[in-house]
């Protein structure tokens, strides 16, 4: 309805049903709105006032708009990626170089900041994804397990070198590691003592072969 206040004419805000508002396009609403505001009033409609009115009319608190979070590439340097691969997979420098298909000096150069060729960088990124996934399993002493033949006579390192599909390998390795940890907690006097990871590795290979 219209309320007369001296020379100023104001209009009560219409209450539109939510179903009607949602079906009205903002573009289609502008023209009738401007006619309603200007007819018989001699008033002036500005872009700002029109925008405010539109916002009041078509705003629906039930609508929630979320901004998508696009995946961002890892911001670490190549040296940091290579270091993360070495640590997460429990590799010494010789094995690290081998799984990357390069020499030890090249692997050291990458750790010192030298940038690899595009084909080598692709392999680094692939190995980093493997290492990143493996870290979620929190495997105890991966450096002691990486050469253990837990996959039907093949080790995790063997599978890395062969570039095999590692689907299911992480869970299997985690299960094996947990059994090893549990075995270490059993006292030798119980008669159920099982050799620990460190002991088994120490008995099977000389210390200088670890590095």
N, C-alpha and C. Protein backbone atom coordinates (compact mmCIF):
# COMPACT_ATOMS: atom_id res chain seq x y z
N UNK A 1 0.80 -1.18 0.00
CA UNK A 1 0.00 0.00 0.00
C UNK A 1 0.85 1.25 0.00
N UNK A 2 0.27 2.40 -0.27
CA UNK A 2 0.98 3.67 -0.33
C UNK A 2 0.71 4.46 0.94
N UNK A 3 1.76 5.02 1.51
CA UNK A 3 1.62 5.85 2.72
C UNK A 3 2.07 7.26 2.37
N UNK A 4 1.19 8.27 2.53
CA UNK A 4 1.49 9.65 2.23
C UNK A 4 2.13 10.29 3.45
N UNK A 5 3.31 10.90 3.29
CA UNK A 5 4.00 11.58 4.37
C UNK A 5 4.44 12.95 3.86
N UNK A 6 3.51 13.90 3.89
CA UNK A 6 3.82 15.22 3.35
C UNK A 6 4.05 15.13 1.85
N UNK A 7 5.19 15.63 1.42
CA UNK A 7 5.53 15.59 0.00
C UNK A 7 6.29 14.33 -0.36
N UNK A 8 6.60 13.52 0.65
CA UNK A 8 7.39 12.32 0.39
C UNK A 8 6.46 11.12 0.32
N UNK A 9 6.58 10.38 -0.72
CA UNK A 9 5.77 9.17 -0.88
C UNK A 9 6.67 7.96 -0.73
N UNK A 10 6.33 7.06 0.18
CA UNK A 10 7.13 5.84 0.37
C UNK A 10 6.26 4.62 0.10
N UNK A 11 6.88 3.53 -0.09
CA UNK A 11 6.16 2.29 -0.40
C UNK A 11 6.60 1.20 0.56
N UNK A 12 5.63 0.44 1.03
CA UNK A 12 5.96 -0.70 1.87
C UNK A 12 6.57 -1.80 1.01
N UNK A 13 7.54 -2.47 1.57
CA UNK A 13 8.22 -3.54 0.83
C UNK A 13 7.27 -4.73 0.66
N UNK A 14 7.04 -5.16 -0.54
CA UNK A 14 6.15 -6.32 -0.74
C UNK A 14 6.79 -7.59 -0.21
N UNK A 15 6.00 -8.47 0.33
CA UNK A 15 6.48 -9.75 0.83
C UNK A 15 6.17 -10.82 -0.20
N UNK A 16 7.18 -11.22 -0.92
CA UNK A 16 6.98 -12.22 -1.96
C UNK A 16 7.21 -13.61 -1.40
N UNK A 17 6.39 -14.59 -1.78
CA UNK A 17 6.62 -15.97 -1.33
C UNK A 17 7.97 -16.45 -1.81
N UNK A 18 8.62 -17.33 -1.03
CA UNK A 18 9.96 -17.80 -1.38
C UNK A 18 9.95 -18.57 -2.68
N UNK A 19 8.85 -19.28 -2.97
CA UNK A 19 8.82 -20.06 -4.20
C UNK A 19 8.76 -19.14 -5.42
N UNK A 20 8.05 -17.99 -5.26
CA UNK A 20 7.95 -17.05 -6.37
C UNK A 20 9.27 -16.34 -6.59
N UNK A 21 9.94 -15.94 -5.49
CA UNK A 21 11.19 -15.22 -5.62
C UNK A 21 12.24 -16.07 -6.29
N UNK A 22 12.30 -17.33 -5.94
CA UNK A 22 13.32 -18.20 -6.49
C UNK A 22 13.12 -18.41 -7.99
N UNK A 23 11.89 -18.25 -8.49
CA UNK A 23 11.65 -18.50 -9.89
C UNK A 23 11.81 -17.24 -10.74
N UNK A 24 12.04 -16.08 -10.09
CA UNK A 24 12.15 -14.83 -10.83
C UNK A 24 13.60 -14.51 -11.11
N UNK A 25 13.91 -14.29 -12.35
CA UNK A 25 15.26 -13.91 -12.71
C UNK A 25 15.50 -12.45 -12.34
N UNK A 26 16.70 -12.11 -11.80
CA UNK A 26 17.01 -10.72 -11.44
C UNK A 26 16.87 -9.77 -12.61
N UNK A 27 17.18 -10.23 -13.81
CA UNK A 27 17.08 -9.37 -14.98
C UNK A 27 15.63 -9.02 -15.28
N UNK A 28 14.73 -10.02 -15.16
CA UNK A 28 13.31 -9.78 -15.43
C UNK A 28 12.68 -8.91 -14.35
N UNK A 29 13.26 -8.91 -13.16
CA UNK A 29 12.68 -8.18 -12.05
C UNK A 29 13.02 -6.70 -12.09
N UNK A 30 14.09 -6.35 -12.77
CA UNK A 30 14.54 -4.96 -12.77
C UNK A 30 13.53 -4.02 -13.41
N UNK A 31 13.01 -4.40 -14.57
CA UNK A 31 12.12 -3.50 -15.31
C UNK A 31 10.85 -3.18 -14.54
N UNK A 32 10.06 -4.18 -14.06
CA UNK A 32 8.86 -3.83 -13.29
C UNK A 32 9.17 -3.08 -12.01
N UNK A 33 10.33 -3.38 -11.41
CA UNK A 33 10.70 -2.69 -10.17
C UNK A 33 10.92 -1.21 -10.43
N UNK A 34 11.60 -0.88 -11.52
CA UNK A 34 11.87 0.51 -11.83
C UNK A 34 10.57 1.25 -12.15
N UNK A 35 9.66 0.56 -12.83
CA UNK A 35 8.37 1.20 -13.13
C UNK A 35 7.61 1.48 -11.86
N UNK A 36 7.62 0.51 -10.92
CA UNK A 36 6.91 0.67 -9.64
C UNK A 36 7.46 1.85 -8.85
N UNK A 37 8.78 2.00 -8.85
CA UNK A 37 9.40 3.05 -8.06
C UNK A 37 9.17 4.44 -8.65
N UNK A 38 9.08 4.52 -9.97
CA UNK A 38 9.03 5.84 -10.60
C UNK A 38 7.61 6.31 -10.91
N UNK A 39 6.67 5.41 -11.04
CA UNK A 39 5.33 5.82 -11.47
C UNK A 39 4.69 6.75 -10.45
N UNK A 40 4.39 7.96 -10.90
CA UNK A 40 3.64 8.91 -10.09
C UNK A 40 4.44 9.57 -9.00
N UNK A 41 5.72 9.28 -8.89
CA UNK A 41 6.46 9.85 -7.78
C UNK A 41 7.43 10.93 -8.22
N UNK A 42 7.88 10.83 -9.46
CA UNK A 42 8.88 11.78 -9.90
C UNK A 42 10.21 11.50 -9.24
N UNK A 43 10.29 10.38 -8.49
CA UNK A 43 11.52 10.03 -7.79
C UNK A 43 12.60 9.57 -8.74
N UNK A 44 13.77 9.44 -8.21
CA UNK A 44 14.92 9.07 -9.02
C UNK A 44 15.41 7.69 -8.59
N UNK A 45 15.64 6.81 -9.54
CA UNK A 45 16.13 5.47 -9.26
C UNK A 45 17.60 5.40 -9.63
N UNK A 46 18.42 5.06 -8.67
CA UNK A 46 19.85 4.93 -8.95
C UNK A 46 20.22 3.44 -8.99
N UNK A 47 21.37 3.17 -9.55
CA UNK A 47 21.83 1.78 -9.63
C UNK A 47 22.02 1.21 -8.23
N UNK A 48 22.50 2.07 -7.33
CA UNK A 48 22.74 1.60 -5.96
C UNK A 48 21.45 1.25 -5.24
N UNK A 49 20.45 2.10 -5.37
CA UNK A 49 19.19 1.84 -4.69
C UNK A 49 18.51 0.62 -5.27
N UNK A 50 18.61 0.47 -6.60
CA UNK A 50 18.00 -0.70 -7.24
C UNK A 50 18.66 -1.98 -6.78
N UNK A 51 19.97 -1.95 -6.68
CA UNK A 51 20.71 -3.14 -6.24
C UNK A 51 20.32 -3.53 -4.82
N UNK A 52 20.22 -2.52 -3.92
CA UNK A 52 19.83 -2.80 -2.55
C UNK A 52 18.44 -3.44 -2.49
N UNK A 53 17.52 -2.88 -3.30
CA UNK A 53 16.17 -3.41 -3.29
C UNK A 53 16.13 -4.84 -3.81
N UNK A 54 16.88 -5.09 -4.87
CA UNK A 54 16.92 -6.44 -5.44
C UNK A 54 17.49 -7.44 -4.43
N UNK A 55 18.53 -7.01 -3.74
CA UNK A 55 19.14 -7.90 -2.76
C UNK A 55 18.17 -8.26 -1.65
N UNK A 56 17.36 -7.29 -1.23
CA UNK A 56 16.38 -7.55 -0.18
C UNK A 56 15.29 -8.50 -0.67
N UNK A 57 14.89 -8.34 -1.94
CA UNK A 57 13.79 -9.12 -2.46
C UNK A 57 14.18 -10.55 -2.82
N UNK A 58 15.33 -10.72 -3.41
CA UNK A 58 15.64 -12.04 -3.94
C UNK A 58 16.59 -12.83 -3.05
N UNK A 59 17.05 -12.24 -1.95
CA UNK A 59 17.95 -12.99 -1.06
C UNK A 59 17.20 -14.12 -0.37
N UNK A 60 17.77 -15.30 -0.42
CA UNK A 60 17.18 -16.45 0.23
C UNK A 60 18.21 -17.03 1.20
N UNK A 61 17.98 -16.92 2.52
CA UNK A 61 18.97 -17.43 3.48
C UNK A 61 19.16 -18.94 3.40
N UNK A 62 18.25 -19.62 2.73
CA UNK A 62 18.37 -21.07 2.59
C UNK A 62 19.38 -21.48 1.55
N UNK A 63 19.85 -20.53 0.76
CA UNK A 63 20.81 -20.85 -0.29
C UNK A 63 22.20 -20.59 0.24
N UNK A 64 23.03 -21.60 0.18
CA UNK A 64 24.41 -21.47 0.67
C UNK A 64 25.36 -21.65 -0.50
N UNK A 65 26.21 -20.66 -0.72
CA UNK A 65 27.16 -20.71 -1.82
C UNK A 65 28.53 -20.99 -1.25
N UNK A 66 29.18 -22.03 -1.75
CA UNK A 66 30.51 -22.39 -1.29
C UNK A 66 31.51 -22.14 -2.41
N UNK A 67 32.64 -21.60 -2.05
CA UNK A 67 33.71 -21.39 -3.01
C UNK A 67 34.54 -22.67 -3.09
N UNK A 68 34.73 -23.15 -4.31
CA UNK A 68 35.49 -24.39 -4.48
C UNK A 68 36.95 -24.17 -4.17
N UNK A 69 37.53 -25.14 -3.47
CA UNK A 69 38.95 -25.11 -3.18
C UNK A 69 39.67 -25.95 -4.21
N UNK A 70 40.27 -25.32 -5.18
CA UNK A 70 40.95 -26.05 -6.21
C UNK A 70 42.22 -26.68 -5.64
N UNK A 71 42.52 -27.87 -6.16
CA UNK A 71 43.72 -28.56 -5.70
C UNK A 71 44.95 -27.77 -6.10
N UNK A 72 45.80 -27.56 -5.14
CA UNK A 72 47.03 -26.83 -5.41
C UNK A 72 48.21 -27.80 -5.43
N UNK A 73 49.09 -27.64 -6.39
CA UNK A 73 50.25 -28.48 -6.48
C UNK A 73 51.14 -28.28 -5.27
N UNK A 74 51.89 -29.32 -4.93
CA UNK A 74 52.80 -29.22 -3.79
C UNK A 74 53.81 -28.13 -4.05
N UNK A 75 53.99 -27.25 -3.08
CA UNK A 75 54.84 -26.08 -3.27
C UNK A 75 56.30 -26.35 -2.93
N UNK A 76 56.62 -27.58 -2.55
CA UNK A 76 57.99 -27.89 -2.17
C UNK A 76 58.93 -27.89 -3.38
N UNK A 77 60.18 -27.64 -3.11
CA UNK A 77 61.19 -27.65 -4.16
C UNK A 77 61.52 -29.09 -4.53
N UNK A 78 62.23 -29.25 -5.65
CA UNK A 78 62.64 -30.60 -6.06
C UNK A 78 63.50 -31.25 -4.99
N UNK A 79 64.41 -30.48 -4.40
CA UNK A 79 65.27 -31.02 -3.34
C UNK A 79 64.44 -31.53 -2.17
N UNK A 80 63.39 -30.81 -1.81
CA UNK A 80 62.53 -31.22 -0.71
C UNK A 80 61.73 -32.47 -1.07
N UNK A 81 61.30 -32.56 -2.31
CA UNK A 81 60.57 -33.75 -2.76
C UNK A 81 61.46 -34.98 -2.70
N UNK A 82 62.67 -34.85 -3.20
CA UNK A 82 63.61 -35.97 -3.20
C UNK A 82 63.93 -36.39 -1.77
N UNK A 83 64.14 -35.43 -0.89
CA UNK A 83 64.41 -35.75 0.51
C UNK A 83 63.23 -36.45 1.17
N UNK A 84 62.03 -36.01 0.83
CA UNK A 84 60.83 -36.63 1.40
C UNK A 84 60.68 -38.07 0.92
N UNK A 85 61.00 -38.31 -0.34
CA UNK A 85 60.94 -39.68 -0.89
C UNK A 85 61.93 -40.58 -0.16
N UNK A 86 63.15 -40.11 -0.03
CA UNK A 86 64.19 -40.90 0.64
C UNK A 86 63.77 -41.26 2.07
N UNK A 87 63.27 -40.28 2.82
CA UNK A 87 62.92 -40.51 4.22
C UNK A 87 61.69 -41.38 4.38
N UNK A 88 60.64 -41.11 3.59
CA UNK A 88 59.39 -41.86 3.73
C UNK A 88 59.54 -43.31 3.31
N UNK A 89 60.33 -43.57 2.27
CA UNK A 89 60.50 -44.94 1.77
C UNK A 89 61.66 -45.66 2.46
N UNK A 90 62.40 -44.97 3.30
CA UNK A 90 63.48 -45.59 4.02
C UNK A 90 64.62 -46.04 3.12
N UNK A 91 64.96 -45.23 2.13
CA UNK A 91 65.97 -45.61 1.15
C UNK A 91 67.31 -44.97 1.46
N UNK A 92 68.39 -45.70 1.22
CA UNK A 92 69.71 -45.09 1.27
C UNK A 92 69.95 -44.42 -0.08
N UNK A 93 71.04 -43.73 -0.24
CA UNK A 93 71.27 -42.95 -1.46
C UNK A 93 71.43 -43.83 -2.70
N UNK A 94 72.04 -44.99 -2.53
CA UNK A 94 72.20 -45.90 -3.67
C UNK A 94 70.85 -46.38 -4.17
N UNK A 95 69.97 -46.78 -3.23
CA UNK A 95 68.64 -47.26 -3.62
C UNK A 95 67.77 -46.12 -4.13
N UNK A 96 67.92 -44.95 -3.54
CA UNK A 96 67.17 -43.79 -4.00
C UNK A 96 67.51 -43.48 -5.45
N UNK A 97 68.80 -43.48 -5.75
CA UNK A 97 69.23 -43.23 -7.13
C UNK A 97 68.71 -44.31 -8.06
N UNK A 98 68.73 -45.56 -7.58
CA UNK A 98 68.30 -46.68 -8.43
C UNK A 98 66.82 -46.58 -8.80
N UNK A 99 65.95 -46.27 -7.83
CA UNK A 99 64.52 -46.20 -8.13
C UNK A 99 64.20 -45.00 -9.01
N UNK A 100 65.08 -43.99 -8.99
CA UNK A 100 64.88 -42.83 -9.85
C UNK A 100 65.55 -42.99 -11.21
N UNK A 101 66.34 -44.06 -11.33
CA UNK A 101 66.98 -44.32 -12.60
C UNK A 101 68.15 -43.41 -12.91
N UNK A 102 68.85 -42.95 -11.86
CA UNK A 102 69.99 -42.06 -12.07
C UNK A 102 71.16 -42.55 -11.23
N UNK A 103 72.28 -41.87 -11.33
CA UNK A 103 73.46 -42.21 -10.54
C UNK A 103 73.38 -41.53 -9.17
N UNK A 104 74.20 -41.99 -8.24
CA UNK A 104 74.26 -41.36 -6.91
C UNK A 104 74.64 -39.88 -6.99
N UNK A 105 75.64 -39.50 -7.79
CA UNK A 105 75.98 -38.07 -7.89
C UNK A 105 74.81 -37.21 -8.37
N UNK A 106 74.01 -37.77 -9.28
CA UNK A 106 72.84 -37.02 -9.76
C UNK A 106 71.81 -36.86 -8.65
N UNK A 107 71.58 -37.93 -7.90
CA UNK A 107 70.63 -37.86 -6.79
C UNK A 107 71.09 -36.85 -5.75
N UNK A 108 72.39 -36.84 -5.45
CA UNK A 108 72.95 -35.86 -4.52
C UNK A 108 72.79 -34.43 -5.07
N UNK A 109 72.99 -34.28 -6.38
CA UNK A 109 72.86 -32.96 -7.00
C UNK A 109 71.43 -32.44 -6.86
N UNK A 110 70.45 -33.32 -7.00
CA UNK A 110 69.06 -32.89 -6.83
C UNK A 110 68.80 -32.47 -5.39
N UNK A 111 69.37 -33.21 -4.45
CA UNK A 111 69.21 -32.84 -3.04
C UNK A 111 69.86 -31.50 -2.73
N UNK A 112 70.85 -31.16 -3.53
CA UNK A 112 71.57 -29.89 -3.33
C UNK A 112 70.98 -28.74 -4.15
N UNK A 113 69.85 -28.99 -4.80
CA UNK A 113 69.15 -27.90 -5.49
C UNK A 113 69.21 -27.91 -6.99
N UNK A 114 69.94 -28.83 -7.60
CA UNK A 114 69.98 -28.87 -9.06
C UNK A 114 68.65 -29.37 -9.60
N UNK A 115 68.15 -28.74 -10.65
CA UNK A 115 66.86 -29.12 -11.21
C UNK A 115 67.02 -30.26 -12.20
N UNK A 116 66.17 -31.27 -12.13
CA UNK A 116 66.25 -32.42 -13.04
C UNK A 116 65.61 -32.13 -14.40
N UNK A 117 65.84 -33.02 -15.34
CA UNK A 117 65.19 -32.92 -16.64
C UNK A 117 63.69 -33.21 -16.47
N UNK A 118 62.87 -32.79 -17.44
CA UNK A 118 61.42 -33.01 -17.32
C UNK A 118 61.03 -34.48 -17.12
N UNK A 119 61.70 -35.41 -17.83
CA UNK A 119 61.36 -36.82 -17.68
C UNK A 119 61.73 -37.32 -16.28
N UNK A 120 62.84 -36.84 -15.75
CA UNK A 120 63.25 -37.22 -14.40
C UNK A 120 62.32 -36.61 -13.36
N UNK A 121 61.89 -35.39 -13.60
CA UNK A 121 60.97 -34.73 -12.67
C UNK A 121 59.65 -35.48 -12.60
N UNK A 122 59.22 -36.03 -13.71
CA UNK A 122 57.99 -36.81 -13.72
C UNK A 122 58.12 -38.02 -12.81
N UNK A 123 59.27 -38.69 -12.84
CA UNK A 123 59.51 -39.84 -11.98
C UNK A 123 59.57 -39.41 -10.52
N UNK A 124 60.18 -38.28 -10.25
CA UNK A 124 60.25 -37.77 -8.88
C UNK A 124 58.84 -37.53 -8.33
N UNK A 125 58.00 -36.91 -9.13
CA UNK A 125 56.64 -36.63 -8.70
C UNK A 125 55.84 -37.91 -8.47
N UNK A 126 56.08 -38.90 -9.32
CA UNK A 126 55.41 -40.19 -9.16
C UNK A 126 55.83 -40.86 -7.86
N UNK A 127 57.13 -40.86 -7.59
CA UNK A 127 57.64 -41.46 -6.36
C UNK A 127 57.19 -40.67 -5.13
N UNK A 128 57.06 -39.37 -5.27
CA UNK A 128 56.60 -38.57 -4.14
C UNK A 128 55.16 -38.92 -3.78
N UNK A 129 54.32 -39.15 -4.78
CA UNK A 129 52.94 -39.55 -4.51
C UNK A 129 52.90 -40.89 -3.76
N UNK A 130 53.79 -41.81 -4.15
CA UNK A 130 53.87 -43.09 -3.45
C UNK A 130 54.32 -42.87 -2.00
N UNK A 131 55.36 -42.06 -1.84
CA UNK A 131 55.89 -41.79 -0.50
C UNK A 131 54.85 -41.08 0.37
N UNK A 132 54.12 -40.14 -0.21
CA UNK A 132 53.12 -39.39 0.53
C UNK A 132 51.99 -40.30 1.00
N UNK A 133 51.58 -41.22 0.13
CA UNK A 133 50.52 -42.16 0.52
C UNK A 133 51.02 -43.10 1.61
N UNK A 134 52.26 -43.53 1.49
CA UNK A 134 52.82 -44.46 2.47
C UNK A 134 52.91 -43.84 3.85
N UNK A 135 53.18 -42.54 3.93
CA UNK A 135 53.30 -41.89 5.23
C UNK A 135 52.01 -41.95 6.04
N UNK A 136 50.87 -42.05 5.36
CA UNK A 136 49.58 -42.11 6.06
C UNK A 136 49.42 -43.43 6.82
N UNK A 137 50.20 -44.44 6.48
CA UNK A 137 50.11 -45.73 7.16
C UNK A 137 50.98 -45.79 8.42
N UNK A 138 51.83 -44.80 8.60
CA UNK A 138 52.68 -44.72 9.81
C UNK A 138 53.39 -46.05 10.09
N UNK A 139 54.09 -46.54 9.10
CA UNK A 139 54.79 -47.82 9.22
C UNK A 139 56.07 -47.64 10.04
N UNK A 140 56.22 -48.46 11.05
CA UNK A 140 57.38 -48.39 11.94
C UNK A 140 58.63 -48.89 11.23
N UNK A 141 59.70 -48.10 11.28
CA UNK A 141 61.00 -48.45 10.74
C UNK A 141 60.91 -48.94 9.30
N UNK A 142 60.41 -48.06 8.44
CA UNK A 142 60.33 -48.41 7.01
C UNK A 142 61.70 -48.73 6.44
N UNK A 143 62.72 -48.09 6.96
CA UNK A 143 64.07 -48.35 6.47
C UNK A 143 64.50 -49.79 6.73
N UNK A 144 63.91 -50.42 7.77
CA UNK A 144 64.21 -51.81 8.07
C UNK A 144 63.35 -52.78 7.26
N UNK A 145 62.27 -52.29 6.71
CA UNK A 145 61.33 -53.16 6.01
C UNK A 145 61.45 -53.08 4.49
N UNK A 146 62.03 -52.03 3.98
CA UNK A 146 61.98 -51.79 2.55
C UNK A 146 62.62 -52.91 1.73
N UNK A 147 63.56 -53.66 2.34
CA UNK A 147 64.22 -54.76 1.62
C UNK A 147 63.77 -56.14 2.10
N UNK A 148 62.80 -56.17 2.98
CA UNK A 148 62.30 -57.46 3.45
C UNK A 148 61.44 -58.11 2.38
N UNK A 149 61.63 -59.40 2.08
CA UNK A 149 60.85 -60.08 1.01
C UNK A 149 59.45 -60.47 1.49
N UNK A 150 58.61 -59.49 1.71
CA UNK A 150 57.29 -59.75 2.27
C UNK A 150 56.21 -59.96 1.21
N UNK A 151 56.55 -59.75 -0.05
CA UNK A 151 55.58 -59.90 -1.12
C UNK A 151 55.93 -61.13 -1.97
N UNK A 152 55.67 -62.30 -1.41
CA UNK A 152 55.99 -63.55 -2.12
C UNK A 152 57.43 -63.57 -2.60
N UNK A 153 58.33 -63.26 -1.71
CA UNK A 153 59.74 -63.30 -2.03
C UNK A 153 60.29 -62.01 -2.60
N UNK A 154 59.45 -61.04 -2.83
CA UNK A 154 59.89 -59.75 -3.36
C UNK A 154 59.75 -58.69 -2.28
N UNK A 155 60.67 -57.76 -2.28
CA UNK A 155 60.62 -56.66 -1.31
C UNK A 155 59.91 -55.46 -1.90
N UNK A 156 59.62 -54.50 -1.04
CA UNK A 156 59.00 -53.26 -1.51
C UNK A 156 59.96 -52.54 -2.46
N UNK A 157 61.24 -52.62 -2.17
CA UNK A 157 62.24 -52.00 -3.05
C UNK A 157 62.24 -52.68 -4.42
N UNK A 158 62.12 -54.00 -4.44
CA UNK A 158 62.06 -54.72 -5.71
C UNK A 158 60.88 -54.23 -6.55
N UNK A 159 59.77 -54.02 -5.91
CA UNK A 159 58.57 -53.58 -6.64
C UNK A 159 58.70 -52.14 -7.12
N UNK A 160 59.39 -51.31 -6.34
CA UNK A 160 59.66 -49.95 -6.78
C UNK A 160 60.55 -49.94 -8.01
N UNK A 161 61.60 -50.75 -7.96
CA UNK A 161 62.54 -50.81 -9.08
C UNK A 161 61.87 -51.33 -10.35
N UNK A 162 60.94 -52.25 -10.18
CA UNK A 162 60.23 -52.82 -11.33
C UNK A 162 59.05 -51.96 -11.77
N UNK A 163 58.79 -50.87 -11.03
CA UNK A 163 57.67 -49.96 -11.32
C UNK A 163 56.34 -50.71 -11.38
N UNK A 164 56.16 -51.60 -10.42
CA UNK A 164 54.93 -52.39 -10.37
C UNK A 164 53.77 -51.58 -9.78
N UNK A 165 52.58 -52.08 -10.03
CA UNK A 165 51.39 -51.50 -9.42
C UNK A 165 51.42 -51.84 -7.93
N UNK A 166 51.34 -50.81 -7.09
CA UNK A 166 51.46 -51.00 -5.65
C UNK A 166 50.12 -51.03 -4.93
N UNK A 167 49.05 -51.25 -5.67
CA UNK A 167 47.72 -51.32 -5.06
C UNK A 167 47.70 -52.44 -4.01
N UNK A 168 47.35 -52.09 -2.81
CA UNK A 168 47.29 -53.07 -1.72
C UNK A 168 48.61 -53.31 -1.02
N UNK A 169 49.70 -52.84 -1.61
CA UNK A 169 51.02 -53.10 -1.02
C UNK A 169 51.21 -52.36 0.30
N UNK A 170 50.67 -51.16 0.40
CA UNK A 170 50.85 -50.37 1.62
C UNK A 170 50.18 -51.03 2.82
N UNK A 171 48.94 -51.49 2.61
CA UNK A 171 48.21 -52.14 3.70
C UNK A 171 48.89 -53.44 4.11
N UNK A 172 49.40 -54.20 3.14
CA UNK A 172 50.08 -55.45 3.45
C UNK A 172 51.38 -55.18 4.21
N UNK A 173 52.09 -54.16 3.79
CA UNK A 173 53.32 -53.80 4.48
C UNK A 173 53.04 -53.33 5.90
N UNK A 174 51.97 -52.57 6.08
CA UNK A 174 51.57 -52.09 7.39
C UNK A 174 51.23 -53.27 8.31
N UNK A 175 50.52 -54.23 7.77
CA UNK A 175 50.14 -55.42 8.56
C UNK A 175 51.39 -56.17 9.01
N UNK A 176 52.33 -56.33 8.11
CA UNK A 176 53.57 -57.02 8.42
C UNK A 176 54.36 -56.26 9.49
N UNK A 177 54.43 -54.94 9.33
CA UNK A 177 55.16 -54.11 10.30
C UNK A 177 54.54 -54.18 11.68
N UNK A 178 53.20 -54.16 11.75
CA UNK A 178 52.51 -54.24 13.03
C UNK A 178 52.76 -55.58 13.72
N UNK A 179 52.83 -56.64 12.94
CA UNK A 179 53.14 -57.95 13.52
C UNK A 179 54.56 -57.96 14.09
N UNK A 180 55.46 -57.31 13.40
CA UNK A 180 56.84 -57.23 13.89
C UNK A 180 56.91 -56.44 15.20
N UNK A 181 56.19 -55.35 15.25
CA UNK A 181 56.18 -54.53 16.47
C UNK A 181 55.58 -55.31 17.63
N UNK A 182 54.50 -56.05 17.37
CA UNK A 182 53.87 -56.85 18.42
C UNK A 182 54.82 -57.94 18.91
N UNK A 183 55.59 -58.50 18.00
CA UNK A 183 56.51 -59.57 18.36
C UNK A 183 57.62 -59.05 19.27
N UNK A 184 58.01 -57.82 19.09
CA UNK A 184 59.07 -57.24 19.92
C UNK A 184 58.63 -57.08 21.37
N UNK A 185 57.33 -57.01 21.59
CA UNK A 185 56.82 -56.79 22.94
C UNK A 185 56.71 -58.09 23.74
N UNK A 186 56.90 -59.21 23.07
CA UNK A 186 56.82 -60.49 23.77
C UNK A 186 58.19 -60.81 24.37
N UNK A 187 58.29 -60.98 25.67
CA UNK A 187 59.60 -61.26 26.30
C UNK A 187 60.18 -62.59 25.84
N UNK A 188 61.50 -62.66 25.77
CA UNK A 188 62.17 -63.88 25.32
C UNK A 188 61.88 -65.05 26.24
N UNK A 189 61.67 -64.79 27.53
CA UNK A 189 61.45 -65.86 28.49
C UNK A 189 60.12 -66.58 28.29
N UNK A 190 59.21 -65.97 27.52
CA UNK A 190 57.89 -66.58 27.31
C UNK A 190 57.95 -67.76 26.36
N UNK A 191 59.04 -67.88 25.63
CA UNK A 191 59.15 -68.95 24.65
C UNK A 191 58.48 -68.62 23.33
N UNK A 192 57.89 -67.41 23.24
CA UNK A 192 57.21 -67.00 22.02
C UNK A 192 57.94 -65.85 21.33
N UNK A 193 59.17 -65.65 21.74
CA UNK A 193 59.91 -64.51 21.19
C UNK A 193 60.15 -64.66 19.70
N UNK A 194 59.88 -63.59 18.98
CA UNK A 194 60.11 -63.55 17.53
C UNK A 194 61.13 -62.46 17.27
N UNK A 195 62.07 -62.73 16.43
CA UNK A 195 63.13 -61.78 16.15
C UNK A 195 62.56 -60.46 15.64
N UNK A 196 63.06 -59.36 16.16
CA UNK A 196 62.58 -58.04 15.77
C UNK A 196 63.08 -57.67 14.39
N UNK A 197 62.52 -56.59 13.86
CA UNK A 197 62.93 -56.11 12.55
C UNK A 197 64.42 -55.79 12.55
N UNK A 198 64.85 -55.04 13.57
CA UNK A 198 66.24 -54.63 13.63
C UNK A 198 67.18 -55.82 13.73
N UNK A 199 66.78 -56.83 14.53
CA UNK A 199 67.62 -58.00 14.70
C UNK A 199 67.69 -58.83 13.43
N UNK A 200 66.53 -58.97 12.78
CA UNK A 200 66.49 -59.75 11.55
C UNK A 200 67.33 -59.11 10.47
N UNK A 201 67.22 -57.79 10.36
CA UNK A 201 68.00 -57.07 9.36
C UNK A 201 69.48 -57.15 9.70
N UNK A 202 69.79 -56.98 10.98
CA UNK A 202 71.19 -57.02 11.41
C UNK A 202 71.84 -58.36 11.17
N UNK A 203 71.05 -59.45 11.27
CA UNK A 203 71.60 -60.77 11.06
C UNK A 203 71.72 -61.13 9.59
N UNK A 204 70.91 -60.47 8.76
CA UNK A 204 70.85 -60.86 7.35
C UNK A 204 71.76 -60.05 6.47
N UNK A 205 72.22 -58.86 6.93
CA UNK A 205 73.10 -58.06 6.08
C UNK A 205 74.05 -57.25 6.95
N UNK A 206 75.25 -57.02 6.42
CA UNK A 206 76.22 -56.24 7.17
C UNK A 206 75.79 -54.79 7.30
N UNK A 207 76.28 -54.14 8.36
CA UNK A 207 75.88 -52.76 8.64
C UNK A 207 76.24 -51.81 7.50
N UNK A 208 77.43 -52.02 6.90
CA UNK A 208 77.85 -51.07 5.87
C UNK A 208 77.03 -51.15 4.60
N UNK A 209 76.17 -52.15 4.47
CA UNK A 209 75.32 -52.23 3.29
C UNK A 209 74.07 -51.39 3.42
N UNK A 210 73.82 -50.83 4.62
CA UNK A 210 72.63 -50.00 4.81
C UNK A 210 72.77 -48.65 4.13
N UNK A 211 73.96 -48.09 4.07
CA UNK A 211 74.14 -46.73 3.60
C UNK A 211 74.23 -46.62 2.10
